[in-house]
Protein backbone atom coordinates (compact mmCIF):
# COMPACT_ATOMS: atom_id res chain seq x y z
CA MET A 1 187.74 118.90 80.91
CA ASN A 2 184.46 118.97 79.07
CA GLU A 3 181.33 119.78 81.21
CA TRP A 4 177.85 118.78 80.38
CA GLN A 5 175.49 121.01 78.85
CA PRO A 6 171.69 120.40 78.26
CA THR A 7 170.84 118.31 75.19
CA ASP A 8 167.80 116.45 74.03
CA THR A 9 169.71 113.21 73.54
CA PRO A 10 167.52 110.12 74.09
CA ALA A 11 168.68 107.58 76.72
CA PRO A 12 169.17 104.30 75.40
CA ALA A 13 169.20 101.26 77.72
CA LEU A 14 171.98 101.40 80.32
CA ASP A 15 173.66 98.50 82.25
CA PRO A 16 174.02 100.13 85.69
CA ARG A 17 176.40 97.45 87.08
CA LYS A 18 178.77 97.74 83.99
CA LEU A 19 178.40 101.59 84.31
CA VAL A 20 179.73 101.64 87.76
CA GLY A 21 183.22 100.18 86.55
CA GLU A 22 183.18 102.76 83.79
CA LEU A 23 182.81 105.56 86.10
CA LYS A 24 185.70 104.77 88.54
CA PRO A 25 188.15 107.07 86.70
CA PHE A 26 185.88 109.97 87.70
CA THR A 27 186.21 109.14 91.47
CA ALA A 28 189.77 110.27 91.65
CA VAL A 29 190.07 113.48 93.93
CA HIS A 30 191.86 116.42 92.63
CA THR A 31 192.98 117.90 96.05
CA GLY A 32 193.63 121.27 94.59
CA ARG A 33 190.18 121.68 93.05
CA SER A 34 188.76 120.46 96.36
CA ILE A 35 190.71 123.02 98.24
CA TRP A 36 189.63 125.70 95.64
CA GLU A 37 185.90 124.70 95.79
CA LEU A 38 186.07 124.94 99.55
CA THR A 39 187.38 128.24 99.56
CA ALA A 40 185.22 129.58 96.84
CA THR A 41 182.40 128.62 99.18
CA LEU A 42 183.60 129.56 102.73
CA VAL A 43 185.21 132.83 102.00
CA PRO A 44 182.14 134.53 100.38
CA PHE A 45 179.94 132.70 103.08
CA PHE A 46 181.94 134.10 106.20
CA ALA A 47 182.34 137.45 104.46
CA LEU A 48 178.56 137.59 103.78
CA ILE A 49 177.48 136.57 107.35
CA LEU A 50 180.04 138.78 109.18
CA ALA A 51 178.85 141.70 106.89
CA MET A 52 175.26 141.11 107.67
CA LEU A 53 176.00 140.69 111.34
CA TRP A 54 177.64 144.04 111.35
CA ALA A 55 174.98 145.79 109.46
CA VAL A 56 171.97 144.08 111.55
CA SER A 57 173.90 145.05 114.72
CA ALA A 58 174.09 148.56 113.61
CA GLY A 59 170.44 148.76 112.72
CA TYR A 60 170.63 148.11 108.91
CA LEU A 61 167.93 145.39 108.89
CA ALA A 62 167.72 145.66 105.13
CA ALA A 63 170.89 143.52 105.12
CA LEU A 64 168.60 140.70 105.85
CA LEU A 65 167.56 140.58 102.22
CA LEU A 66 170.74 138.77 101.41
CA LEU A 67 169.73 135.78 103.72
CA PRO A 68 168.83 133.55 100.49
CA VAL A 69 172.25 134.12 99.30
CA SER A 70 173.97 133.04 102.84
CA GLY A 71 171.48 130.25 102.93
CA LEU A 72 172.45 128.99 99.42
CA LEU A 73 176.10 129.39 100.28
CA LEU A 74 175.49 127.21 103.45
CA LEU A 75 173.76 124.61 101.39
CA ARG A 76 176.78 124.33 99.12
CA THR A 77 178.84 123.89 102.43
CA PHE A 78 176.65 120.98 103.19
CA ILE A 79 177.22 119.67 99.79
CA ILE A 80 180.81 119.44 100.58
CA GLN A 81 180.11 117.93 103.89
CA HIS A 82 178.13 115.31 102.20
CA ASP A 83 181.05 114.55 99.85
CA CYS A 84 183.46 114.11 102.89
CA GLY A 85 180.87 111.54 104.24
CA HIS A 86 181.47 109.68 101.06
CA GLY A 87 185.12 109.87 101.27
CA ALA A 88 184.99 111.58 98.03
CA TYR A 89 186.32 115.00 98.71
CA LEU A 90 189.82 114.54 99.82
CA ALA A 91 192.39 111.83 99.54
CA LYS A 92 192.45 110.28 102.94
CA ARG A 93 189.52 109.12 105.05
CA THR A 94 190.57 111.01 108.10
CA SER A 95 190.90 114.20 106.45
CA ASN A 96 187.41 113.81 104.99
CA ASP A 97 185.99 113.03 108.24
CA TRP A 98 187.73 115.94 110.24
CA LEU A 99 186.67 118.51 107.44
CA GLY A 100 183.16 117.03 107.56
CA ARG A 101 183.01 117.48 111.43
CA MET A 102 184.11 121.21 111.18
CA LEU A 103 181.53 121.82 108.54
CA GLY A 104 178.85 120.09 110.58
CA VAL A 105 179.16 122.99 113.11
CA LEU A 106 178.19 125.56 110.45
CA THR A 107 175.33 123.12 108.96
CA PHE A 108 174.16 122.30 112.19
CA THR A 109 174.70 118.51 111.46
CA PRO A 110 176.53 116.16 113.68
CA TYR A 111 178.77 114.47 110.96
CA ASP A 112 179.23 110.94 112.21
CA CYS A 113 175.60 110.69 113.22
CA TRP A 114 174.51 112.09 109.56
CA ARG A 115 177.22 109.68 107.73
CA ARG A 116 175.67 106.65 109.41
CA SER A 117 172.12 107.32 108.45
CA HIS A 118 173.13 108.52 105.08
CA THR A 119 175.07 105.32 104.49
CA LEU A 120 172.03 103.33 105.28
CA HIS A 121 170.03 105.52 102.99
CA HIS A 122 172.32 104.89 100.06
CA ALA A 123 172.18 100.94 100.89
CA SER A 124 168.37 100.79 100.93
CA THR A 125 167.23 103.36 98.32
CA GLY A 126 164.11 102.04 96.60
CA ASN A 127 163.73 98.99 98.84
CA LEU A 128 160.20 98.58 99.99
CA ASP A 129 161.58 96.31 102.91
CA ALA A 130 164.21 98.46 104.17
CA ARG A 131 162.30 102.03 104.37
CA GLY A 132 162.95 104.31 107.10
CA PHE A 133 166.65 105.03 106.99
CA GLY A 134 167.28 108.70 106.05
CA ASP A 135 164.27 109.06 103.48
CA VAL A 136 160.76 110.45 103.24
CA ASP A 137 158.46 107.94 104.81
CA THR A 138 156.40 106.64 101.80
CA LEU A 139 153.67 104.07 102.12
CA THR A 140 152.27 101.77 99.40
CA VAL A 141 148.47 102.22 98.59
CA ALA A 142 147.76 98.80 100.21
CA GLU A 143 149.44 99.91 103.56
CA PHE A 144 147.70 103.24 103.42
CA ARG A 145 144.42 101.56 102.98
CA ALA A 146 145.04 99.25 105.95
CA LEU A 147 145.43 101.96 108.42
CA LYS A 148 142.86 103.45 110.75
CA PRO A 149 141.38 106.71 109.97
CA PHE A 150 143.48 108.63 112.53
CA GLN A 151 146.69 107.09 111.16
CA ARG A 152 145.67 108.05 107.54
CA LEU A 153 144.97 111.49 108.76
CA MET A 154 148.45 111.58 110.27
CA TYR A 155 150.03 110.27 107.10
CA ARG A 156 148.17 112.97 104.93
CA ILE A 157 149.45 115.65 107.44
CA TYR A 158 153.12 114.49 107.55
CA ARG A 159 153.09 114.34 103.59
CA HIS A 160 151.54 117.83 103.27
CA PRO A 161 153.96 120.18 101.64
CA VAL A 162 153.63 122.84 104.41
CA VAL A 163 154.77 120.11 106.88
CA LEU A 164 157.48 118.69 104.51
CA PHE A 165 159.16 122.05 103.69
CA GLY A 166 157.75 124.44 106.27
CA ILE A 167 158.09 122.41 109.64
CA ALA A 168 160.32 119.45 108.81
CA PRO A 169 163.43 121.34 107.95
CA ALA A 170 163.42 123.42 111.24
CA TYR A 171 162.56 120.31 113.25
CA LEU A 172 165.48 118.34 111.79
CA PHE A 173 168.30 120.76 111.73
CA MET A 174 167.34 122.74 115.00
CA LEU A 175 166.15 119.79 117.15
CA ARG A 176 166.42 116.48 115.82
CA HIS A 177 170.10 116.71 115.14
CA ARG A 178 170.82 117.85 118.79
CA LEU A 179 170.73 114.23 119.77
CA PRO A 180 171.62 110.88 118.09
CA ILE A 181 168.21 109.85 117.65
CA GLY A 182 167.99 106.42 116.17
CA LEU A 183 171.67 105.99 117.00
CA MET A 184 171.54 106.16 120.75
CA ARG A 185 172.24 102.53 121.39
CA ASP A 186 174.72 102.07 118.53
CA GLY A 187 177.90 103.32 120.18
CA ARG A 188 179.63 106.21 122.09
CA GLN A 189 180.69 107.75 118.93
CA TYR A 190 177.26 108.96 117.95
CA TRP A 191 176.80 110.62 121.31
CA VAL A 192 180.27 112.24 121.13
CA SER A 193 179.24 113.54 117.51
CA ALA A 194 175.90 115.02 118.45
CA LEU A 195 176.94 116.55 121.80
CA GLY A 196 180.46 117.63 120.28
CA THR A 197 178.70 119.47 117.57
CA ASN A 198 176.30 121.03 120.08
CA LEU A 199 179.18 122.30 122.08
CA ALA A 200 181.16 123.88 119.25
CA MET A 201 177.74 125.38 117.99
CA ALA A 202 177.39 126.86 121.47
CA GLY A 203 180.79 128.30 121.33
CA MET A 204 180.26 129.80 117.98
CA PHE A 205 177.11 131.34 119.18
CA ALA A 206 178.79 132.86 122.30
CA ALA A 207 181.46 134.34 120.41
CA LEU A 208 179.33 136.02 117.79
CA MET A 209 176.72 137.23 120.33
CA ALA A 210 179.82 138.63 122.48
CA PHE A 211 180.76 140.77 119.26
CA PHE A 212 177.49 141.50 117.61
CA GLY A 213 174.69 141.06 120.22
CA VAL A 214 172.22 138.20 120.74
CA GLY A 215 169.47 139.76 118.55
CA ALA A 216 171.70 140.18 115.42
CA THR A 217 173.39 136.73 115.72
CA LEU A 218 169.88 135.00 116.05
CA MET A 219 168.39 137.25 113.15
CA VAL A 220 171.30 136.27 110.71
CA LEU A 221 172.38 132.77 111.79
CA LEU A 222 169.08 130.88 112.39
CA PRO A 223 167.18 132.11 109.12
CA THR A 224 170.53 131.21 107.24
CA VAL A 225 170.36 127.79 108.50
CA LEU A 226 166.47 127.42 107.64
CA VAL A 227 166.94 128.87 104.10
CA ALA A 228 169.67 126.12 103.49
CA ALA A 229 167.82 123.45 105.33
CA THR A 230 164.55 124.17 103.21
CA ALA A 231 166.32 124.03 100.01
CA GLY A 232 168.01 120.95 101.10
CA VAL A 233 164.99 118.98 102.13
CA TRP A 234 163.17 120.13 99.00
CA LEU A 235 166.28 118.93 96.79
CA PHE A 236 166.36 115.48 98.67
CA TYR A 237 162.58 114.91 98.18
CA VAL A 238 162.61 115.48 94.45
CA GLN A 239 165.69 113.33 94.03
CA HIS A 240 163.66 110.32 95.17
CA GLN A 241 160.01 111.32 94.92
CA PHE A 242 159.08 111.58 91.46
CA GLU A 243 156.66 109.66 88.81
CA GLN A 244 159.37 107.53 87.44
CA ALA A 245 161.07 106.36 90.81
CA HIS A 246 161.98 102.89 91.22
CA TRP A 247 160.80 100.57 94.11
CA ASP A 248 160.83 96.82 94.67
CA LYS A 249 160.41 94.32 97.32
CA ALA A 250 163.75 93.01 98.79
CA ASP A 251 163.78 89.86 96.97
CA ALA A 252 163.39 91.62 93.51
CA TRP A 253 165.55 94.82 94.69
CA LYS A 254 168.78 95.33 92.96
CA PHE A 255 171.34 97.97 94.22
CA HIS A 256 172.55 99.29 90.81
CA GLU A 257 169.39 99.52 89.25
CA ALA A 258 167.67 101.04 92.24
CA ALA A 259 170.61 103.56 92.50
CA LEU A 260 170.26 104.69 88.81
CA HIS A 261 166.38 104.62 88.24
CA GLY A 262 165.28 105.53 91.85
CA SER A 263 167.01 108.83 91.91
CA SER A 264 166.30 111.97 89.45
CA HIS A 265 168.34 114.19 87.51
CA LEU A 266 167.12 117.66 88.57
CA ASP A 267 168.40 119.86 85.64
CA LEU A 268 168.91 123.19 87.41
CA PRO A 269 169.95 126.39 85.78
CA GLN A 270 173.13 128.25 86.75
CA PRO A 271 173.86 129.66 89.14
CA LEU A 272 171.70 127.14 91.11
CA ARG A 273 173.60 124.25 89.75
CA TRP A 274 176.78 125.99 91.52
CA PHE A 275 174.97 126.68 94.83
CA THR A 276 173.55 123.06 94.89
CA GLY A 277 177.16 121.52 94.11
CA ASN A 278 175.72 119.52 90.98
CA ILE A 279 173.57 117.36 93.52
CA GLY A 280 170.80 117.47 91.08
CA MET A 281 172.75 114.81 89.08
CA HIS A 282 171.62 112.45 91.77
CA HIS A 283 171.13 109.28 89.59
CA VAL A 284 174.96 109.66 88.97
CA HIS A 285 175.89 110.17 92.61
CA HIS A 286 173.70 107.25 93.80
CA LEU A 287 175.42 104.88 91.31
CA ALA A 288 178.98 106.19 92.07
CA SER A 289 178.96 108.02 95.27
CA ARG A 290 182.76 108.33 95.38
CA ILE A 291 182.66 110.97 92.41
CA PRO A 292 183.42 114.36 93.72
CA PHE A 293 180.48 116.85 93.20
CA TYR A 294 182.55 118.88 90.81
CA ARG A 295 183.16 115.87 88.57
CA LEU A 296 179.59 115.00 88.01
CA PRO A 297 179.25 117.46 85.10
CA ASN A 298 182.23 115.59 83.38
CA VAL A 299 180.24 112.27 83.79
CA LEU A 300 177.21 113.47 81.90
CA ALA A 301 179.55 115.17 79.26
CA ALA A 302 181.11 111.67 78.81
CA TYR A 303 177.88 109.86 78.85
CA PRO A 304 175.05 112.25 77.43
CA GLN A 305 172.64 109.46 77.38
CA LEU A 306 172.37 109.80 81.32
CA ALA A 307 171.35 113.53 81.07
CA SER A 308 167.74 112.60 79.91
CA LEU A 309 167.17 109.66 82.26
CA ASN A 310 164.85 110.71 85.09
CA ARG A 311 165.42 114.44 83.97
CA MET A 312 163.18 117.24 85.37
CA THR A 313 163.50 120.86 85.18
CA ILE A 314 163.09 123.17 88.00
CA ARG A 315 159.38 123.89 86.95
CA GLU A 316 158.55 120.21 86.98
CA ALA A 317 160.30 119.72 90.19
CA PHE A 318 157.14 121.04 92.15
CA LYS A 319 154.98 118.51 90.65
CA PRO A 320 156.21 115.42 92.77
CA PHE A 321 154.51 117.24 96.01
CA LEU A 322 151.23 115.66 95.14
CA LEU A 323 152.94 112.05 94.66
CA THR A 324 152.42 110.41 98.10
CA LEU A 325 151.85 106.79 97.59
CA TRP A 326 153.51 103.95 95.96
CA ASP A 327 151.02 101.92 93.90
CA GLU A 328 152.70 98.38 93.41
CA ASP A 329 150.49 97.40 90.68
CA GLN A 330 151.10 100.42 88.43
CA ARG A 331 154.89 100.57 89.73
CA ARG A 332 154.66 104.36 90.21
CA LEU A 333 154.09 107.12 92.70
CA ILE A 334 150.57 108.28 92.75
CA SER A 335 148.59 111.07 94.50
CA PHE A 336 145.99 110.57 97.37
CA ARG A 337 143.27 111.56 94.64
CA GLU A 338 144.33 108.79 92.27
CA ALA A 339 144.55 106.18 95.16
CA LYS A 340 140.84 107.09 95.91
CA ALA A 341 139.71 107.09 92.20
CA THR A 342 141.43 103.54 91.88
CA ALA A 343 139.69 102.37 95.09
CA ALA A 344 136.23 103.47 93.72
CA ALA A 345 136.61 101.98 90.34
CA ALA A 346 137.70 98.47 91.84
């Protein structure tokens, strides 16, 4: 099947609701391809991790230079887990769930807890009245101005890149995921998910420490997870925090429009597109989340008008870091500086 290649094709008006129906053929799971993608990810990941553990335990610390590669392979593992959560990777729901739970041990992510919050994220993306579910906290200009000075300072600190991409990934994957935070009263299954994942992780760490030592295990595994977590948080951020993002109040919010226009197309070069499992084609994913990640390029090949919609390059993907507030009048994300200038001109 043909796969998408970058073009300058303009994007005519699209009917998101109609497009959902047209994309249904792409949701068909190819089990053989899924198994191959899993194998092509986990075999090099395990081989690299074991080689690094052996090298570091023997004193060859230069092996740690390979941490970016192991981190990116773990990120790809998370993308497969992500597809399992959407029921998009294997033919049966139970198969998706059990594969997702096993991969969650590697990614430090309790699968059932994550799937619940991620489902809510998909159901509320771009809805100003349903914020707070698996997204980056975003205030409107009016909400920010209504805060007390200390609250404004806290929001500024939270939205600073050092916090979002330096502290938040470690907090999220090392600490927050250890308990079913936000789901503690929503049923036993989320406690089982979090604590079961913790127990399996403890067993994994104990086994590796027994073979390679405590120091080598921590020096290899923890930075690998942090690389994957940081890259993942950055991807998630630019997928929904960009100048052309789409937000509305609940009474004007429409799911399909928000899915397509509220998600970006991060056009990454190879091999980054491979390592990230095509998740940069996020507008297509949000519109039709049952499409396996390896079929997303086929969608852009069939619908080239989608390629330029909300497109940004890797260089442009660092610009949204300054966009921190939603301006309901201009209907776009703006920076603190722009908000201040607007207030001064009013």
